[in-house]
Amino acid sequence: MSTSLYNSQQDEKFLWVRLCEGDRDAFGEIYRRYFPLLFRYCIRFTTDRSLVKDMLQDFFSQLFLQRAGLATPVNLKSYLLVSARRKLFRYLEKSSRLPGSLDEGMISLFDLELSPESILIHRQHTEQANRLLQQKLNALTLRQKEAIYLRFYENLTYEEIAEIMVLKEVKYARTLIYRAIAELKELLAPNESALMVR
């Protein structure tokens, strides 16, 4: 089946149905579309790129092997992010690379960096400004960094973020992001005048 059939905006459900029926072209298209996104997300939790690649290969293999029993998700992107996140945590636990439970107090696990675009946009600022902002991002909690990443790097809705991060209510996703932004503003404010002088 030609991939040209998979170009409409409403084709995710079609792709999924075809995958569940064993269509390898549909599976290949889902893999092509979503492997890069899932890799970018999962690599934030660990520096072991080969572990993430192995996990995702296993994840997609299982997806195809278990296709007959899969229900059609409301949102394919959210479904895949939720499932890959869960599988990654199991991999990390098995390899003893997940230090304890993932809670609000953990700071160092989720890696959130300035995007290349933001570095280009702010090129007129000094390297000191970028270093400062990176330090402030690193100071956010794990949950804040993950929520910021999903909202501003992957453009997900608060509803999708709440589902992916297994939050009881959507308002918790909003709160995480608002607090993170407030903390960044508060932390950057004292340094603003020094950066402007440069």
N, C-alpha and C. Protein backbone atom coordinates (compact mmCIF):
# COMPACT_ATOMS: atom_id res chain seq x y z
N MET A 1 0.84 -1.20 0.00
CA MET A 1 0.00 0.00 0.00
C MET A 1 0.88 1.24 0.00
N SER A 2 0.55 2.18 -0.85
CA SER A 2 1.38 3.38 -0.98
C SER A 2 1.22 4.29 0.23
N THR A 3 2.36 4.89 0.64
CA THR A 3 2.31 5.80 1.79
C THR A 3 1.56 7.08 1.44
N SER A 4 1.29 7.32 0.15
CA SER A 4 0.53 8.51 -0.23
C SER A 4 -0.89 8.45 0.33
N LEU A 5 -1.36 7.23 0.62
CA LEU A 5 -2.68 7.08 1.22
C LEU A 5 -2.70 7.54 2.67
N TYR A 6 -1.51 7.75 3.26
CA TYR A 6 -1.42 8.06 4.68
C TYR A 6 -1.17 9.55 4.96
N ASN A 7 -1.49 10.40 4.00
CA ASN A 7 -1.12 11.80 4.16
C ASN A 7 -2.21 12.72 4.70
N SER A 8 -3.44 12.25 4.81
CA SER A 8 -4.50 13.14 5.30
C SER A 8 -4.40 13.29 6.81
N GLN A 9 -5.05 14.37 7.31
CA GLN A 9 -5.00 14.63 8.75
C GLN A 9 -5.78 13.61 9.56
N GLN A 10 -6.73 12.95 8.95
CA GLN A 10 -7.58 12.01 9.67
C GLN A 10 -7.13 10.57 9.47
N ASP A 11 -5.87 10.39 9.14
CA ASP A 11 -5.44 9.03 8.77
C ASP A 11 -4.89 8.21 9.93
N GLU A 12 -4.71 8.80 11.12
CA GLU A 12 -4.15 8.03 12.23
C GLU A 12 -5.01 6.83 12.58
N LYS A 13 -6.32 7.04 12.64
CA LYS A 13 -7.23 5.94 12.97
C LYS A 13 -7.18 4.87 11.87
N PHE A 14 -7.13 5.34 10.63
CA PHE A 14 -7.03 4.43 9.49
C PHE A 14 -5.74 3.61 9.58
N LEU A 15 -4.63 4.30 9.86
CA LEU A 15 -3.34 3.62 10.01
C LEU A 15 -3.41 2.56 11.10
N TRP A 16 -4.02 2.93 12.22
CA TRP A 16 -4.09 2.02 13.36
C TRP A 16 -4.92 0.78 13.03
N VAL A 17 -6.07 1.00 12.37
CA VAL A 17 -6.93 -0.12 11.97
C VAL A 17 -6.17 -1.05 11.03
N ARG A 18 -5.45 -0.44 10.07
CA ARG A 18 -4.68 -1.25 9.12
C ARG A 18 -3.57 -2.02 9.84
N LEU A 19 -2.93 -1.37 10.81
CA LEU A 19 -1.90 -2.06 11.60
C LEU A 19 -2.50 -3.26 12.32
N CYS A 20 -3.65 -3.06 12.97
CA CYS A 20 -4.30 -4.14 13.71
C CYS A 20 -4.69 -5.30 12.79
N GLU A 21 -4.88 -4.99 11.51
CA GLU A 21 -5.20 -6.04 10.53
C GLU A 21 -3.94 -6.69 9.95
N GLY A 22 -2.76 -6.21 10.39
CA GLY A 22 -1.51 -6.82 9.96
C GLY A 22 -0.84 -6.16 8.78
N ASP A 23 -1.28 -4.97 8.40
CA ASP A 23 -0.69 -4.24 7.27
C ASP A 23 0.70 -3.73 7.64
N ARG A 24 1.72 -4.29 7.02
CA ARG A 24 3.10 -3.92 7.34
C ARG A 24 3.44 -2.49 6.88
N ASP A 25 2.81 -2.04 5.81
CA ASP A 25 3.04 -0.67 5.35
C ASP A 25 2.52 0.34 6.37
N ALA A 26 1.35 0.05 6.95
CA ALA A 26 0.78 0.92 7.98
C ALA A 26 1.68 0.93 9.20
N PHE A 27 2.16 -0.24 9.58
CA PHE A 27 3.10 -0.33 10.71
C PHE A 27 4.37 0.47 10.42
N GLY A 28 4.89 0.33 9.21
CA GLY A 28 6.09 1.06 8.81
C GLY A 28 5.89 2.57 8.87
N GLU A 29 4.70 3.02 8.49
CA GLU A 29 4.41 4.45 8.51
C GLU A 29 4.31 4.97 9.95
N ILE A 30 3.68 4.20 10.83
CA ILE A 30 3.60 4.58 12.25
C ILE A 30 5.00 4.64 12.84
N TYR A 31 5.82 3.65 12.51
CA TYR A 31 7.21 3.62 13.01
C TYR A 31 7.98 4.84 12.50
N ARG A 32 7.85 5.14 11.22
CA ARG A 32 8.58 6.27 10.62
C ARG A 32 8.17 7.59 11.26
N ARG A 33 6.88 7.75 11.51
CA ARG A 33 6.38 9.01 12.08
C ARG A 33 6.76 9.19 13.54
N TYR A 34 6.66 8.10 14.29
CA TYR A 34 6.71 8.25 15.75
C TYR A 34 8.01 7.81 16.41
N PHE A 35 8.84 7.04 15.73
CA PHE A 35 10.11 6.65 16.37
C PHE A 35 10.94 7.88 16.76
N PRO A 36 11.14 8.87 15.85
CA PRO A 36 11.94 10.05 16.23
C PRO A 36 11.37 10.80 17.43
N LEU A 37 10.05 10.98 17.47
CA LEU A 37 9.42 11.69 18.57
C LEU A 37 9.62 10.94 19.89
N LEU A 38 9.39 9.62 19.87
CA LEU A 38 9.54 8.82 21.08
C LEU A 38 10.99 8.78 21.54
N PHE A 39 11.91 8.74 20.58
CA PHE A 39 13.34 8.74 20.93
C PHE A 39 13.71 10.06 21.60
N ARG A 40 13.27 11.19 21.02
CA ARG A 40 13.57 12.51 21.61
C ARG A 40 13.05 12.62 23.03
N TYR A 41 11.87 12.07 23.25
CA TYR A 41 11.26 12.13 24.58
C TYR A 41 11.99 11.22 25.56
N CYS A 42 12.21 9.97 25.17
CA CYS A 42 12.80 8.99 26.09
C CYS A 42 14.25 9.30 26.44
N ILE A 43 14.99 9.91 25.51
CA ILE A 43 16.40 10.22 25.76
C ILE A 43 16.54 11.29 26.84
N ARG A 44 15.46 11.96 27.17
CA ARG A 44 15.49 12.95 28.25
C ARG A 44 15.65 12.29 29.62
N PHE A 45 15.31 11.01 29.70
CA PHE A 45 15.37 10.31 30.99
C PHE A 45 16.70 9.59 31.22
N THR A 46 17.49 9.41 30.19
CA THR A 46 18.74 8.69 30.33
C THR A 46 19.71 9.11 29.23
N THR A 47 21.00 9.04 29.52
CA THR A 47 22.00 9.36 28.49
C THR A 47 22.36 8.13 27.66
N ASP A 48 21.81 6.99 28.02
CA ASP A 48 22.12 5.74 27.32
C ASP A 48 21.26 5.62 26.06
N ARG A 49 21.78 6.14 24.97
CA ARG A 49 21.04 6.16 23.71
C ARG A 49 20.78 4.75 23.18
N SER A 50 21.72 3.86 23.38
CA SER A 50 21.54 2.49 22.88
C SER A 50 20.43 1.78 23.64
N LEU A 51 20.31 2.05 24.94
CA LEU A 51 19.22 1.45 25.73
C LEU A 51 17.88 1.95 25.20
N VAL A 52 17.79 3.25 24.90
CA VAL A 52 16.54 3.81 24.39
C VAL A 52 16.21 3.21 23.02
N LYS A 53 17.21 3.08 22.16
CA LYS A 53 16.97 2.48 20.83
C LYS A 53 16.50 1.04 20.97
N ASP A 54 17.18 0.26 21.84
CA ASP A 54 16.78 -1.13 22.05
C ASP A 54 15.35 -1.22 22.58
N MET A 55 15.05 -0.34 23.55
CA MET A 55 13.72 -0.33 24.14
C MET A 55 12.66 -0.03 23.09
N LEU A 56 12.93 0.97 22.24
CA LEU A 56 11.95 1.35 21.22
C LEU A 56 11.79 0.27 20.15
N GLN A 57 12.89 -0.39 19.79
CA GLN A 57 12.79 -1.51 18.84
C GLN A 57 11.89 -2.59 19.43
N ASP A 58 12.11 -2.89 20.70
CA ASP A 58 11.30 -3.88 21.40
C ASP A 58 9.84 -3.41 21.49
N PHE A 59 9.68 -2.12 21.80
CA PHE A 59 8.34 -1.52 21.91
C PHE A 59 7.55 -1.67 20.61
N PHE A 60 8.17 -1.33 19.49
CA PHE A 60 7.47 -1.41 18.20
C PHE A 60 7.26 -2.86 17.76
N SER A 61 8.23 -3.73 18.08
CA SER A 61 8.05 -5.15 17.76
C SER A 61 6.84 -5.71 18.49
N GLN A 62 6.74 -5.40 19.79
CA GLN A 62 5.59 -5.87 20.58
C GLN A 62 4.29 -5.28 20.05
N LEU A 63 4.36 -4.03 19.64
CA LEU A 63 3.17 -3.37 19.09
C LEU A 63 2.64 -4.17 17.90
N PHE A 64 3.54 -4.59 17.02
CA PHE A 64 3.11 -5.34 15.84
C PHE A 64 2.64 -6.74 16.23
N LEU A 65 3.38 -7.40 17.12
CA LEU A 65 3.04 -8.77 17.50
C LEU A 65 1.71 -8.84 18.25
N GLN A 66 1.40 -7.81 19.04
CA GLN A 66 0.18 -7.81 19.85
C GLN A 66 -0.95 -6.99 19.21
N ARG A 67 -0.82 -6.69 17.92
CA ARG A 67 -1.73 -5.76 17.24
C ARG A 67 -3.19 -6.20 17.29
N ALA A 68 -3.44 -7.51 17.24
CA ALA A 68 -4.82 -7.99 17.16
C ALA A 68 -5.62 -7.64 18.41
N GLY A 69 -4.96 -7.53 19.56
CA GLY A 69 -5.68 -7.26 20.80
C GLY A 69 -5.72 -5.79 21.19
N LEU A 70 -5.23 -4.91 20.33
CA LEU A 70 -5.14 -3.49 20.67
C LEU A 70 -6.44 -2.74 20.36
N ALA A 71 -6.84 -1.89 21.29
CA ALA A 71 -8.00 -1.03 21.06
C ALA A 71 -7.54 0.21 20.29
N THR A 72 -8.45 0.86 19.60
CA THR A 72 -8.11 2.07 18.85
C THR A 72 -8.00 3.25 19.82
N PRO A 73 -6.81 3.87 19.92
CA PRO A 73 -6.65 4.99 20.85
C PRO A 73 -7.34 6.25 20.32
N VAL A 74 -7.77 7.10 21.25
CA VAL A 74 -8.38 8.38 20.87
C VAL A 74 -7.33 9.28 20.22
N ASN A 75 -6.14 9.29 20.81
CA ASN A 75 -5.03 10.10 20.29
C ASN A 75 -3.79 9.22 20.20
N LEU A 76 -3.36 8.92 18.99
CA LEU A 76 -2.26 7.97 18.79
C LEU A 76 -0.95 8.48 19.39
N LYS A 77 -0.67 9.77 19.22
CA LYS A 77 0.58 10.35 19.74
C LYS A 77 0.65 10.20 21.25
N SER A 78 -0.41 10.56 21.95
CA SER A 78 -0.45 10.44 23.41
C SER A 78 -0.33 8.98 23.84
N TYR A 79 -1.05 8.12 23.14
CA TYR A 79 -1.02 6.69 23.48
C TYR A 79 0.40 6.14 23.38
N LEU A 80 1.09 6.47 22.31
CA LEU A 80 2.45 5.97 22.11
C LEU A 80 3.42 6.55 23.14
N LEU A 81 3.26 7.84 23.47
CA LEU A 81 4.11 8.45 24.49
C LEU A 81 3.90 7.81 25.85
N VAL A 82 2.64 7.58 26.23
CA VAL A 82 2.33 6.93 27.50
C VAL A 82 2.95 5.53 27.55
N SER A 83 2.74 4.76 26.49
CA SER A 83 3.21 3.38 26.45
C SER A 83 4.73 3.29 26.44
N ALA A 84 5.38 4.15 25.65
CA ALA A 84 6.84 4.13 25.57
C ALA A 84 7.46 4.57 26.89
N ARG A 85 6.86 5.56 27.53
CA ARG A 85 7.35 6.05 28.83
C ARG A 85 7.31 4.92 29.86
N ARG A 86 6.19 4.21 29.89
CA ARG A 86 6.02 3.09 30.83
C ARG A 86 7.06 2.01 30.57
N LYS A 87 7.25 1.69 29.31
CA LYS A 87 8.21 0.64 28.96
C LYS A 87 9.64 1.07 29.30
N LEU A 88 9.96 2.33 29.03
CA LEU A 88 11.30 2.84 29.35
C LEU A 88 11.58 2.73 30.84
N PHE A 89 10.61 3.09 31.67
CA PHE A 89 10.81 3.01 33.12
C PHE A 89 11.08 1.58 33.55
N ARG A 90 10.38 0.62 32.91
CA ARG A 90 10.64 -0.80 33.23
C ARG A 90 12.07 -1.18 32.83
N TYR A 91 12.50 -0.72 31.67
CA TYR A 91 13.88 -0.99 31.21
C TYR A 91 14.89 -0.40 32.19
N LEU A 92 14.65 0.85 32.60
CA LEU A 92 15.59 1.52 33.49
C LEU A 92 15.63 0.85 34.86
N GLU A 93 14.48 0.39 35.33
CA GLU A 93 14.43 -0.31 36.62
C GLU A 93 15.22 -1.61 36.54
N LYS A 94 15.04 -2.34 35.43
CA LYS A 94 15.77 -3.61 35.26
C LYS A 94 17.27 -3.40 35.18
N SER A 95 17.68 -2.31 34.55
CA SER A 95 19.12 -2.06 34.39
C SER A 95 19.68 -1.27 35.57
N SER A 96 18.84 -1.06 36.60
CA SER A 96 19.24 -0.32 37.81
C SER A 96 19.72 1.09 37.49
N ARG A 97 19.15 1.70 36.46
CA ARG A 97 19.54 3.07 36.11
C ARG A 97 18.47 4.07 36.47
N LEU A 98 17.45 3.60 37.16
CA LEU A 98 16.40 4.51 37.60
C LEU A 98 16.52 4.65 39.11
N PRO A 99 17.05 5.79 39.58
CA PRO A 99 17.33 5.93 41.01
C PRO A 99 16.07 6.15 41.84
N GLY A 100 15.49 5.04 42.30
CA GLY A 100 14.30 5.15 43.15
C GLY A 100 13.07 5.49 42.34
N SER A 101 12.05 5.99 43.01
CA SER A 101 10.81 6.33 42.32
C SER A 101 10.91 7.71 41.70
N LEU A 102 10.13 7.91 40.66
CA LEU A 102 10.12 9.20 39.98
C LEU A 102 9.16 10.12 40.72
N ASP A 103 9.70 11.01 41.50
CA ASP A 103 8.83 11.91 42.24
C ASP A 103 9.23 13.35 42.04
N GLU A 104 8.47 14.26 42.64
CA GLU A 104 8.68 15.70 42.48
C GLU A 104 10.07 16.15 42.90
N GLY A 105 10.66 15.45 43.86
CA GLY A 105 11.93 15.91 44.40
C GLY A 105 13.12 15.64 43.51
N MET A 106 12.96 14.76 42.52
CA MET A 106 14.10 14.43 41.68
C MET A 106 14.36 15.53 40.66
N ILE A 107 15.60 15.93 40.55
CA ILE A 107 15.95 17.05 39.68
C ILE A 107 16.75 16.62 38.47
N SER A 108 17.66 15.69 38.63
CA SER A 108 18.68 15.46 37.60
C SER A 108 18.29 14.48 36.51
N LEU A 109 17.21 13.70 36.67
CA LEU A 109 16.96 12.62 35.72
C LEU A 109 16.47 13.09 34.37
N PHE A 110 15.46 13.95 34.34
CA PHE A 110 14.89 14.39 33.07
C PHE A 110 15.72 15.52 32.50
N ASP A 111 16.30 15.32 31.33
CA ASP A 111 17.21 16.28 30.73
C ASP A 111 16.46 17.23 29.82
N LEU A 112 16.41 18.49 30.21
CA LEU A 112 15.72 19.50 29.41
C LEU A 112 16.74 20.55 28.99
N GLU A 113 16.88 20.74 27.69
CA GLU A 113 17.87 21.68 27.18
C GLU A 113 17.20 22.75 26.33
N LEU A 114 17.91 23.85 26.16
CA LEU A 114 17.45 24.86 25.20
C LEU A 114 17.42 24.24 23.82
N SER A 115 16.38 24.52 23.07
CA SER A 115 16.31 24.00 21.70
C SER A 115 17.27 24.78 20.82
N PRO A 116 17.74 24.17 19.73
CA PRO A 116 18.63 24.89 18.81
C PRO A 116 18.01 26.19 18.31
N GLU A 117 16.66 26.17 18.12
CA GLU A 117 15.97 27.36 17.63
C GLU A 117 16.08 28.51 18.63
N SER A 118 15.88 28.18 19.93
CA SER A 118 15.93 29.26 20.92
C SER A 118 17.34 29.81 21.06
N ILE A 119 18.34 28.95 20.86
CA ILE A 119 19.73 29.42 20.94
C ILE A 119 20.00 30.39 19.78
N LEU A 120 19.47 30.07 18.59
CA LEU A 120 19.66 30.96 17.45
C LEU A 120 18.94 32.29 17.65
N ILE A 121 17.70 32.20 18.14
CA ILE A 121 16.91 33.41 18.35
C ILE A 121 17.59 34.34 19.34
N HIS A 122 18.21 33.76 20.34
CA HIS A 122 18.83 34.56 21.40
C HIS A 122 20.35 34.69 21.24
N ARG A 123 20.79 34.56 20.00
CA ARG A 123 22.23 34.62 19.75
C ARG A 123 22.84 35.94 20.21
N GLN A 124 22.03 37.03 20.15
CA GLN A 124 22.54 38.34 20.54
C GLN A 124 22.89 38.40 22.03
N HIS A 125 22.26 37.51 22.80
CA HIS A 125 22.63 37.45 24.22
C HIS A 125 23.96 36.70 24.35
N THR A 126 24.62 36.89 25.42
CA THR A 126 25.92 36.25 25.63
C THR A 126 25.76 34.79 25.98
N GLU A 127 26.85 34.06 25.92
CA GLU A 127 26.84 32.66 26.34
C GLU A 127 26.47 32.58 27.82
N GLN A 128 26.79 33.60 28.54
CA GLN A 128 26.46 33.64 29.97
C GLN A 128 24.95 33.57 30.16
N ALA A 129 24.19 34.25 29.30
CA ALA A 129 22.72 34.24 29.41
C ALA A 129 22.19 32.83 29.17
N ASN A 130 22.72 32.16 28.15
CA ASN A 130 22.28 30.79 27.86
C ASN A 130 22.65 29.84 28.99
N ARG A 131 23.86 30.01 29.53
CA ARG A 131 24.28 29.16 30.64
C ARG A 131 23.37 29.37 31.85
N LEU A 132 23.02 30.62 32.09
CA LEU A 132 22.15 30.95 33.22
C LEU A 132 20.79 30.28 33.06
N LEU A 133 20.22 30.41 31.86
CA LEU A 133 18.90 29.81 31.62
C LEU A 133 18.97 28.30 31.74
N GLN A 134 20.04 27.69 31.24
CA GLN A 134 20.19 26.24 31.34
C GLN A 134 20.28 25.81 32.81
N GLN A 135 20.97 26.59 33.62
CA GLN A 135 21.08 26.29 35.05
C GLN A 135 19.69 26.34 35.70
N LYS A 136 18.91 27.32 35.29
CA LYS A 136 17.57 27.47 35.86
C LYS A 136 16.67 26.31 35.43
N LEU A 137 16.80 25.88 34.17
CA LEU A 137 16.04 24.72 33.70
C LEU A 137 16.43 23.48 34.49
N ASN A 138 17.73 23.32 34.75
CA ASN A 138 18.21 22.16 35.50
C ASN A 138 17.71 22.17 36.94
N ALA A 139 17.39 23.35 37.46
CA ALA A 139 16.94 23.47 38.84
C ALA A 139 15.46 23.10 39.01
N LEU A 140 14.73 22.98 37.90
CA LEU A 140 13.32 22.58 37.98
C LEU A 140 13.25 21.12 38.43
N THR A 141 12.10 20.73 38.98
CA THR A 141 11.92 19.34 39.36
C THR A 141 11.76 18.49 38.11
N LEU A 142 11.92 17.19 38.27
CA LEU A 142 11.74 16.25 37.18
C LEU A 142 10.38 16.44 36.51
N ARG A 143 9.32 16.51 37.32
CA ARG A 143 7.97 16.61 36.78
C ARG A 143 7.77 17.93 36.04
N GLN A 144 8.33 19.01 36.56
CA GLN A 144 8.23 20.31 35.89
C GLN A 144 8.92 20.26 34.53
N LYS A 145 10.13 19.68 34.51
CA LYS A 145 10.88 19.61 33.25
C LYS A 145 10.15 18.76 32.22
N GLU A 146 9.59 17.65 32.67
CA GLU A 146 8.87 16.78 31.74
C GLU A 146 7.63 17.49 31.19
N ALA A 147 6.90 18.17 32.06
CA ALA A 147 5.69 18.90 31.62
C ALA A 147 6.05 20.03 30.65
N ILE A 148 7.11 20.77 30.95
CA ILE A 148 7.57 21.86 30.07
C ILE A 148 7.96 21.28 28.70
N TYR A 149 8.67 20.17 28.71
CA TYR A 149 9.09 19.54 27.45
C TYR A 149 7.87 19.15 26.60
N LEU A 150 6.92 18.47 27.23
CA LEU A 150 5.74 18.00 26.49
C LEU A 150 4.90 19.17 25.95
N ARG A 151 4.82 20.24 26.74
CA ARG A 151 3.99 21.38 26.33
C ARG A 151 4.66 22.22 25.25
N PHE A 152 5.93 22.58 25.46
CA PHE A 152 6.57 23.55 24.57
C PHE A 152 7.48 22.95 23.51
N TYR A 153 7.93 21.72 23.70
CA TYR A 153 8.77 21.08 22.71
C TYR A 153 7.94 20.17 21.79
N GLU A 154 6.92 19.52 22.36
CA GLU A 154 6.08 18.60 21.58
C GLU A 154 4.68 19.16 21.32
N ASN A 155 4.39 20.37 21.85
CA ASN A 155 3.11 21.06 21.60
C ASN A 155 1.88 20.24 21.98
N LEU A 156 1.96 19.53 23.09
CA LEU A 156 0.82 18.73 23.53
C LEU A 156 -0.12 19.59 24.38
N THR A 157 -1.37 19.17 24.43
CA THR A 157 -2.37 19.88 25.25
C THR A 157 -2.18 19.49 26.72
N TYR A 158 -2.80 20.26 27.61
CA TYR A 158 -2.73 19.93 29.03
C TYR A 158 -3.38 18.58 29.30
N GLU A 159 -4.43 18.27 28.56
CA GLU A 159 -5.12 16.99 28.72
C GLU A 159 -4.18 15.84 28.36
N GLU A 160 -3.46 15.99 27.26
CA GLU A 160 -2.53 14.94 26.83
C GLU A 160 -1.38 14.79 27.82
N ILE A 161 -0.90 15.92 28.33
CA ILE A 161 0.20 15.89 29.30
C ILE A 161 -0.24 15.17 30.57
N ALA A 162 -1.44 15.46 31.04
CA ALA A 162 -1.97 14.80 32.24
C ALA A 162 -2.05 13.29 32.03
N GLU A 163 -2.46 12.88 30.83
CA GLU A 163 -2.57 11.45 30.53
C GLU A 163 -1.19 10.80 30.50
N ILE A 164 -0.26 11.42 29.80
CA ILE A 164 1.09 10.85 29.65
C ILE A 164 1.80 10.75 31.00
N MET A 165 1.66 11.79 31.82
CA MET A 165 2.37 11.83 33.10
C MET A 165 1.57 11.19 34.23
N VAL A 166 0.44 10.57 33.88
CA VAL A 166 -0.42 9.87 34.84
C VAL A 166 -0.81 10.79 35.99
N LEU A 167 -1.32 11.97 35.64
CA LEU A 167 -1.79 12.93 36.64
C LEU A 167 -3.30 12.74 36.79
N LYS A 168 -3.79 12.84 38.02
CA LYS A 168 -5.21 12.57 38.28
C LYS A 168 -6.14 13.56 37.59
N GLU A 169 -5.70 14.82 37.51
CA GLU A 169 -6.54 15.85 36.90
C GLU A 169 -5.71 16.73 35.97
N VAL A 170 -6.39 17.30 34.97
CA VAL A 170 -5.73 18.17 33.99
C VAL A 170 -5.14 19.40 34.68
N LYS A 171 -5.81 19.87 35.73
CA LYS A 171 -5.33 21.08 36.41
C LYS A 171 -3.93 20.89 36.99
N TYR A 172 -3.56 19.64 37.31
CA TYR A 172 -2.22 19.39 37.84
C TYR A 172 -1.15 19.64 36.78
N ALA A 173 -1.48 19.35 35.52
CA ALA A 173 -0.54 19.62 34.42
C ALA A 173 -0.35 21.12 34.27
N ARG A 174 -1.46 21.86 34.31
CA ARG A 174 -1.37 23.32 34.22
C ARG A 174 -0.54 23.89 35.37
N THR A 175 -0.80 23.40 36.57
CA THR A 175 -0.09 23.89 37.75
C THR A 175 1.41 23.65 37.64
N LEU A 176 1.78 22.45 37.20
CA LEU A 176 3.21 22.13 37.03
C LEU A 176 3.88 23.12 36.10
N ILE A 177 3.24 23.42 34.98
CA ILE A 177 3.82 24.30 33.97
C ILE A 177 3.84 25.75 34.45
N TYR A 178 2.73 26.20 35.04
CA TYR A 178 2.68 27.58 35.54
C TYR A 178 3.74 27.82 36.61
N ARG A 179 3.89 26.85 37.51
CA ARG A 179 4.88 26.99 38.58
C ARG A 179 6.30 27.00 38.02
N ALA A 180 6.54 26.16 37.03
CA ALA A 180 7.87 26.12 36.41
C ALA A 180 8.19 27.46 35.76
N ILE A 181 7.23 28.01 35.02
CA ILE A 181 7.44 29.30 34.35
C ILE A 181 7.65 30.40 35.39
N ALA A 182 6.85 30.36 36.46
CA ALA A 182 6.97 31.36 37.52
C ALA A 182 8.35 31.28 38.16
N GLU A 183 8.84 30.06 38.39
CA GLU A 183 10.16 29.88 39.00
C GLU A 183 11.26 30.40 38.08
N LEU A 184 11.12 30.12 36.78
CA LEU A 184 12.12 30.61 35.83
C LEU A 184 12.14 32.13 35.82
N LYS A 185 10.96 32.75 35.81
CA LYS A 185 10.90 34.22 35.81
C LYS A 185 11.52 34.79 37.08
N GLU A 186 11.17 34.16 38.20
CA GLU A 186 11.66 34.63 39.49
C GLU A 186 13.19 34.49 39.58
N LEU A 187 13.69 33.38 39.08
CA LEU A 187 15.13 33.12 39.15
C LEU A 187 15.92 34.01 38.19
N LEU A 188 15.29 34.32 37.04
CA LEU A 188 15.99 35.11 36.03
C LEU A 188 15.93 36.61 36.31
N ALA A 189 14.90 37.05 37.03
CA ALA A 189 14.70 38.48 37.27
C ALA A 189 15.92 39.18 37.86
N PRO A 190 16.58 38.63 38.91
CA PRO A 190 17.74 39.32 39.48
C PRO A 190 18.90 39.47 38.52
N ASN A 191 18.95 38.58 37.50
CA ASN A 191 20.07 38.61 36.57
C ASN A 191 19.78 39.41 35.31
N GLU A 192 18.52 39.84 35.15
CA GLU A 192 18.10 40.52 33.94
C GLU A 192 18.90 41.78 33.67
N SER A 193 19.06 42.60 34.71
CA SER A 193 19.76 43.89 34.51
C SER A 193 21.21 43.66 34.13
N ALA A 194 21.84 42.65 34.71
CA ALA A 194 23.24 42.36 34.39
C ALA A 194 23.38 41.94 32.94
N LEU A 195 22.38 41.16 32.45
CA LEU A 195 22.44 40.69 31.06
C LEU A 195 22.18 41.86 30.09
N MET A 196 21.30 42.77 30.49
CA MET A 196 20.97 43.90 29.62
C MET A 196 22.17 44.82 29.44
N VAL A 197 22.98 44.94 30.47
CA VAL A 197 24.17 45.82 30.39
C VAL A 197 25.12 45.32 29.31
N ARG A 198 25.17 43.98 29.18
CA ARG A 198 26.06 43.41 28.18
C ARG A 198 25.48 43.60 26.80
